[in-house]
Amino acid sequence: MKNIAIALSLAATVFAAGAASAQDSTEYSGYNGFVSTATRAQVKAETRLAIQHGEISDGEQYPVSLVERAPVAKTRADVKAELVAYRKTHPEISDDVSVVQ
């Protein structure tokens, strides 16, 4: 009985210490005192201008000015025709691009 009481009090102490340390770490500490000199309207106008110039893009795409586009040498039909010809000369490759034994 005495061992159970000691184990329970030890578990309660560990739990309380964990809860106390978790409360300390939830406070945001990244603020560095920065104060903007631009108004909200100015920031929105700058953002619209940047989008129009291609400096900001949608979603996960990089801005066009940062990505050099590869020259388009073949059409989709050319690539499909090349694949058909390759498959005719390489029968060991199946349609799902895995090697057939």
N, C-alpha and C. Protein backbone atom coordinates (compact mmCIF):
# COMPACT_ATOMS: atom_id res chain seq x y z
N MET A 1 0.81 -1.19 0.00
CA MET A 1 0.00 0.00 0.00
C MET A 1 0.86 1.26 0.00
N LYS A 2 1.93 1.17 0.81
CA LYS A 2 2.84 2.31 0.91
C LYS A 2 3.51 2.57 -0.43
N ASN A 3 3.88 1.51 -1.16
CA ASN A 3 4.54 1.65 -2.46
C ASN A 3 3.61 2.29 -3.49
N ILE A 4 2.33 1.95 -3.42
CA ILE A 4 1.36 2.53 -4.36
C ILE A 4 1.22 4.02 -4.09
N ALA A 5 1.18 4.41 -2.84
CA ALA A 5 1.05 5.82 -2.48
C ALA A 5 2.28 6.60 -2.95
N ILE A 6 3.44 6.02 -2.78
CA ILE A 6 4.68 6.68 -3.23
C ILE A 6 4.69 6.80 -4.75
N ALA A 7 4.28 5.75 -5.46
CA ALA A 7 4.25 5.78 -6.92
C ALA A 7 3.26 6.83 -7.42
N LEU A 8 2.09 6.90 -6.80
CA LEU A 8 1.09 7.89 -7.20
C LEU A 8 1.57 9.31 -6.95
N SER A 9 2.20 9.55 -5.81
CA SER A 9 2.68 10.90 -5.52
C SER A 9 3.83 11.28 -6.46
N LEU A 10 4.66 10.32 -6.80
CA LEU A 10 5.74 10.58 -7.76
C LEU A 10 5.17 10.89 -9.14
N ALA A 11 4.18 10.13 -9.57
CA ALA A 11 3.55 10.37 -10.87
C ALA A 11 2.86 11.74 -10.89
N ALA A 12 2.19 12.10 -9.81
CA ALA A 12 1.53 13.41 -9.73
C ALA A 12 2.55 14.54 -9.79
N THR A 13 3.69 14.37 -9.16
CA THR A 13 4.75 15.39 -9.18
C THR A 13 5.31 15.56 -10.58
N VAL A 14 5.56 14.45 -11.24
CA VAL A 14 6.09 14.50 -12.61
C VAL A 14 5.06 15.15 -13.55
N PHE A 15 3.81 14.79 -13.41
CA PHE A 15 2.76 15.37 -14.23
C PHE A 15 2.63 16.88 -14.00
N ALA A 16 2.69 17.31 -12.75
CA ALA A 16 2.57 18.74 -12.42
C ALA A 16 3.76 19.52 -12.96
N ALA A 17 4.94 18.93 -12.87
CA ALA A 17 6.13 19.61 -13.39
C ALA A 17 6.06 19.73 -14.90
N GLY A 18 5.57 18.70 -15.57
CA GLY A 18 5.43 18.75 -17.03
C GLY A 18 4.41 19.79 -17.46
N ALA A 19 3.31 19.88 -16.74
CA ALA A 19 2.29 20.88 -17.07
C ALA A 19 2.81 22.29 -16.85
N ALA A 20 3.57 22.50 -15.80
CA ALA A 20 4.11 23.83 -15.52
C ALA A 20 5.12 24.25 -16.58
N SER A 21 5.96 23.33 -17.03
CA SER A 21 6.94 23.68 -18.06
C SER A 21 6.28 23.91 -19.41
N ALA A 22 5.18 23.22 -19.68
CA ALA A 22 4.46 23.41 -20.93
C ALA A 22 3.83 24.79 -20.99
N GLN A 23 3.36 25.30 -19.86
CA GLN A 23 2.75 26.62 -19.83
C GLN A 23 3.79 27.71 -20.09
N ASP A 24 5.00 27.51 -19.64
CA ASP A 24 6.05 28.50 -19.86
C ASP A 24 6.43 28.61 -21.33
N SER A 25 6.38 27.51 -22.06
CA SER A 25 6.87 27.50 -23.44
C SER A 25 5.83 27.93 -24.46
N THR A 26 4.58 28.19 -24.05
CA THR A 26 3.55 28.56 -25.02
C THR A 26 3.54 30.05 -25.32
N GLU A 27 4.29 30.82 -24.60
CA GLU A 27 4.31 32.27 -24.83
C GLU A 27 5.13 32.59 -26.08
N TYR A 28 4.61 33.45 -26.94
CA TYR A 28 5.31 33.83 -28.17
C TYR A 28 6.49 34.72 -27.83
N SER A 29 7.65 34.39 -28.32
CA SER A 29 8.84 35.16 -28.00
C SER A 29 9.54 35.71 -29.24
N GLY A 30 8.88 35.69 -30.40
CA GLY A 30 9.51 36.13 -31.63
C GLY A 30 9.34 37.60 -31.94
N TYR A 31 8.59 38.35 -31.16
CA TYR A 31 8.38 39.77 -31.45
C TYR A 31 9.66 40.54 -31.16
N ASN A 32 10.08 41.34 -32.13
CA ASN A 32 11.32 42.09 -31.96
C ASN A 32 11.10 43.60 -31.90
N GLY A 33 9.87 44.05 -31.80
CA GLY A 33 9.59 45.47 -31.67
C GLY A 33 9.45 46.21 -32.99
N PHE A 34 9.37 45.48 -34.11
CA PHE A 34 9.26 46.12 -35.42
C PHE A 34 7.93 46.84 -35.54
N VAL A 35 7.97 48.08 -36.04
CA VAL A 35 6.76 48.86 -36.30
C VAL A 35 6.82 49.32 -37.75
N SER A 36 5.80 48.99 -38.53
CA SER A 36 5.78 49.33 -39.94
C SER A 36 5.54 50.83 -40.13
N THR A 37 6.17 51.37 -41.16
CA THR A 37 5.95 52.78 -41.48
C THR A 37 4.94 52.93 -42.61
N ALA A 38 4.54 51.82 -43.24
CA ALA A 38 3.58 51.86 -44.34
C ALA A 38 2.18 51.55 -43.81
N THR A 39 1.20 52.17 -44.43
CA THR A 39 -0.18 51.90 -44.04
C THR A 39 -0.63 50.60 -44.69
N ARG A 40 -1.76 50.07 -44.25
CA ARG A 40 -2.31 48.84 -44.82
C ARG A 40 -2.62 49.03 -46.31
N ALA A 41 -3.16 50.21 -46.66
CA ALA A 41 -3.48 50.50 -48.06
C ALA A 41 -2.22 50.52 -48.92
N GLN A 42 -1.12 51.07 -48.39
CA GLN A 42 0.13 51.10 -49.14
C GLN A 42 0.68 49.69 -49.37
N VAL A 43 0.58 48.85 -48.35
CA VAL A 43 1.07 47.47 -48.47
C VAL A 43 0.24 46.72 -49.50
N LYS A 44 -1.10 46.91 -49.47
CA LYS A 44 -1.96 46.24 -50.45
C LYS A 44 -1.64 46.71 -51.87
N ALA A 45 -1.38 48.01 -52.04
CA ALA A 45 -1.05 48.54 -53.37
C ALA A 45 0.28 47.97 -53.85
N GLU A 46 1.27 47.89 -52.97
CA GLU A 46 2.56 47.31 -53.34
C GLU A 46 2.40 45.83 -53.72
N THR A 47 1.55 45.12 -53.00
CA THR A 47 1.33 43.71 -53.30
C THR A 47 0.68 43.54 -54.66
N ARG A 48 -0.34 44.35 -54.96
CA ARG A 48 -0.99 44.28 -56.27
C ARG A 48 0.01 44.56 -57.39
N LEU A 49 0.86 45.56 -57.20
CA LEU A 49 1.86 45.92 -58.20
C LEU A 49 2.86 44.77 -58.40
N ALA A 50 3.28 44.14 -57.31
CA ALA A 50 4.22 43.02 -57.41
C ALA A 50 3.59 41.84 -58.15
N ILE A 51 2.31 41.59 -57.91
CA ILE A 51 1.62 40.50 -58.63
C ILE A 51 1.54 40.82 -60.11
N GLN A 52 1.25 42.08 -60.46
CA GLN A 52 1.15 42.48 -61.87
C GLN A 52 2.49 42.35 -62.58
N HIS A 53 3.59 42.59 -61.87
CA HIS A 53 4.92 42.48 -62.49
C HIS A 53 5.48 41.06 -62.45
N GLY A 54 4.71 40.11 -61.90
CA GLY A 54 5.16 38.73 -61.87
C GLY A 54 6.15 38.43 -60.76
N GLU A 55 6.25 39.31 -59.77
CA GLU A 55 7.19 39.09 -58.67
C GLU A 55 6.58 38.20 -57.59
N ILE A 56 5.26 38.08 -57.57
CA ILE A 56 4.56 37.20 -56.65
C ILE A 56 3.63 36.35 -57.51
N SER A 57 3.63 35.05 -57.24
CA SER A 57 2.78 34.17 -58.03
C SER A 57 1.77 33.48 -57.15
N ASP A 58 0.93 32.67 -57.75
CA ASP A 58 -0.11 31.97 -57.02
C ASP A 58 0.39 30.63 -56.51
N GLY A 59 -0.07 30.26 -55.35
CA GLY A 59 0.17 28.92 -54.82
C GLY A 59 1.63 28.61 -54.59
N GLU A 60 2.06 27.46 -55.07
CA GLU A 60 3.41 26.98 -54.82
C GLU A 60 4.36 27.25 -55.98
N GLN A 61 3.94 28.03 -56.94
CA GLN A 61 4.78 28.31 -58.10
C GLN A 61 5.77 29.42 -57.78
N TYR A 62 6.94 29.36 -58.38
CA TYR A 62 7.92 30.42 -58.22
C TYR A 62 7.55 31.57 -59.16
N PRO A 63 7.93 32.78 -58.81
CA PRO A 63 7.69 33.89 -59.74
C PRO A 63 8.37 33.63 -61.08
N VAL A 64 7.75 34.06 -62.15
CA VAL A 64 8.24 33.80 -63.50
C VAL A 64 9.65 34.37 -63.69
N SER A 65 9.92 35.53 -63.08
CA SER A 65 11.23 36.14 -63.27
C SER A 65 12.35 35.33 -62.63
N LEU A 66 12.04 34.49 -61.64
CA LEU A 66 13.06 33.69 -60.98
C LEU A 66 13.30 32.35 -61.67
N VAL A 67 12.35 31.90 -62.43
CA VAL A 67 12.46 30.60 -63.08
C VAL A 67 12.70 30.81 -64.57
N GLU A 68 13.79 30.24 -65.05
CA GLU A 68 14.04 30.32 -66.49
C GLU A 68 13.28 29.18 -67.15
N ARG A 69 12.45 29.52 -68.08
CA ARG A 69 11.66 28.49 -68.75
C ARG A 69 12.51 27.76 -69.78
N ALA A 70 12.34 26.44 -69.79
CA ALA A 70 13.07 25.62 -70.75
C ALA A 70 12.43 25.81 -72.12
N PRO A 71 13.24 25.84 -73.16
CA PRO A 71 12.66 25.99 -74.49
C PRO A 71 11.84 24.75 -74.85
N VAL A 72 10.70 24.97 -75.46
CA VAL A 72 9.83 23.87 -75.86
C VAL A 72 10.28 23.39 -77.23
N ALA A 73 10.86 22.18 -77.26
CA ALA A 73 11.39 21.64 -78.51
C ALA A 73 10.43 20.65 -79.15
N LYS A 74 9.59 20.00 -78.32
CA LYS A 74 8.69 18.98 -78.85
C LYS A 74 7.28 19.25 -78.35
N THR A 75 6.33 18.89 -79.17
CA THR A 75 4.94 18.97 -78.75
C THR A 75 4.57 17.70 -78.00
N ARG A 76 3.43 17.71 -77.37
CA ARG A 76 2.97 16.51 -76.66
C ARG A 76 2.79 15.34 -77.63
N ALA A 77 2.29 15.64 -78.82
CA ALA A 77 2.10 14.59 -79.83
C ALA A 77 3.46 13.99 -80.24
N ASP A 78 4.49 14.83 -80.36
CA ASP A 78 5.83 14.33 -80.69
C ASP A 78 6.34 13.37 -79.63
N VAL A 79 6.13 13.73 -78.37
CA VAL A 79 6.61 12.88 -77.28
C VAL A 79 5.86 11.56 -77.26
N LYS A 80 4.53 11.62 -77.47
CA LYS A 80 3.74 10.38 -77.51
C LYS A 80 4.18 9.48 -78.67
N ALA A 81 4.45 10.05 -79.83
CA ALA A 81 4.91 9.27 -80.98
C ALA A 81 6.27 8.65 -80.69
N GLU A 82 7.13 9.39 -80.05
CA GLU A 82 8.45 8.87 -79.68
C GLU A 82 8.32 7.71 -78.69
N LEU A 83 7.37 7.81 -77.76
CA LEU A 83 7.16 6.74 -76.80
C LEU A 83 6.63 5.48 -77.48
N VAL A 84 5.72 5.62 -78.41
CA VAL A 84 5.19 4.48 -79.15
C VAL A 84 6.32 3.79 -79.91
N ALA A 85 7.16 4.56 -80.57
CA ALA A 85 8.29 3.99 -81.32
C ALA A 85 9.26 3.28 -80.38
N TYR A 86 9.51 3.85 -79.22
CA TYR A 86 10.43 3.24 -78.25
C TYR A 86 9.88 1.91 -77.76
N ARG A 87 8.59 1.89 -77.46
CA ARG A 87 7.98 0.65 -76.96
C ARG A 87 8.00 -0.46 -78.02
N LYS A 88 7.91 -0.08 -79.29
CA LYS A 88 7.97 -1.09 -80.36
C LYS A 88 9.36 -1.70 -80.44
N THR A 89 10.39 -0.91 -80.22
CA THR A 89 11.77 -1.41 -80.31
C THR A 89 12.29 -1.99 -79.00
N HIS A 90 11.54 -1.80 -77.91
CA HIS A 90 11.94 -2.31 -76.60
C HIS A 90 10.77 -3.08 -75.98
N PRO A 91 10.50 -4.29 -76.44
CA PRO A 91 9.34 -5.05 -75.94
C PRO A 91 9.48 -5.48 -74.48
N GLU A 92 10.69 -5.42 -73.94
CA GLU A 92 10.88 -5.84 -72.54
C GLU A 92 10.29 -4.81 -71.56
N ILE A 93 9.95 -3.63 -72.05
CA ILE A 93 9.34 -2.60 -71.21
C ILE A 93 7.84 -2.65 -71.41
N SER A 94 7.09 -2.78 -70.30
CA SER A 94 5.63 -2.84 -70.41
C SER A 94 5.04 -1.43 -70.40
N ASP A 95 3.72 -1.35 -70.50
CA ASP A 95 3.04 -0.05 -70.54
C ASP A 95 3.18 0.73 -69.24
N ASP A 96 3.35 0.05 -68.13
CA ASP A 96 3.46 0.78 -66.86
C ASP A 96 4.91 1.05 -66.49
N VAL A 97 5.79 0.98 -67.44
CA VAL A 97 7.21 1.33 -67.35
C VAL A 97 7.97 0.44 -66.36
N SER A 98 7.45 -0.72 -66.06
CA SER A 98 8.22 -1.66 -65.24
C SER A 98 8.79 -2.72 -66.15
N VAL A 99 9.89 -3.27 -65.75
CA VAL A 99 10.57 -4.25 -66.58
C VAL A 99 9.85 -5.60 -66.46
N VAL A 100 9.54 -6.22 -67.59
CA VAL A 100 8.88 -7.52 -67.63
C VAL A 100 9.96 -8.59 -67.65
N GLN A 101 9.87 -9.54 -66.75
CA GLN A 101 10.87 -10.60 -66.68
C GLN A 101 10.52 -11.75 -67.58
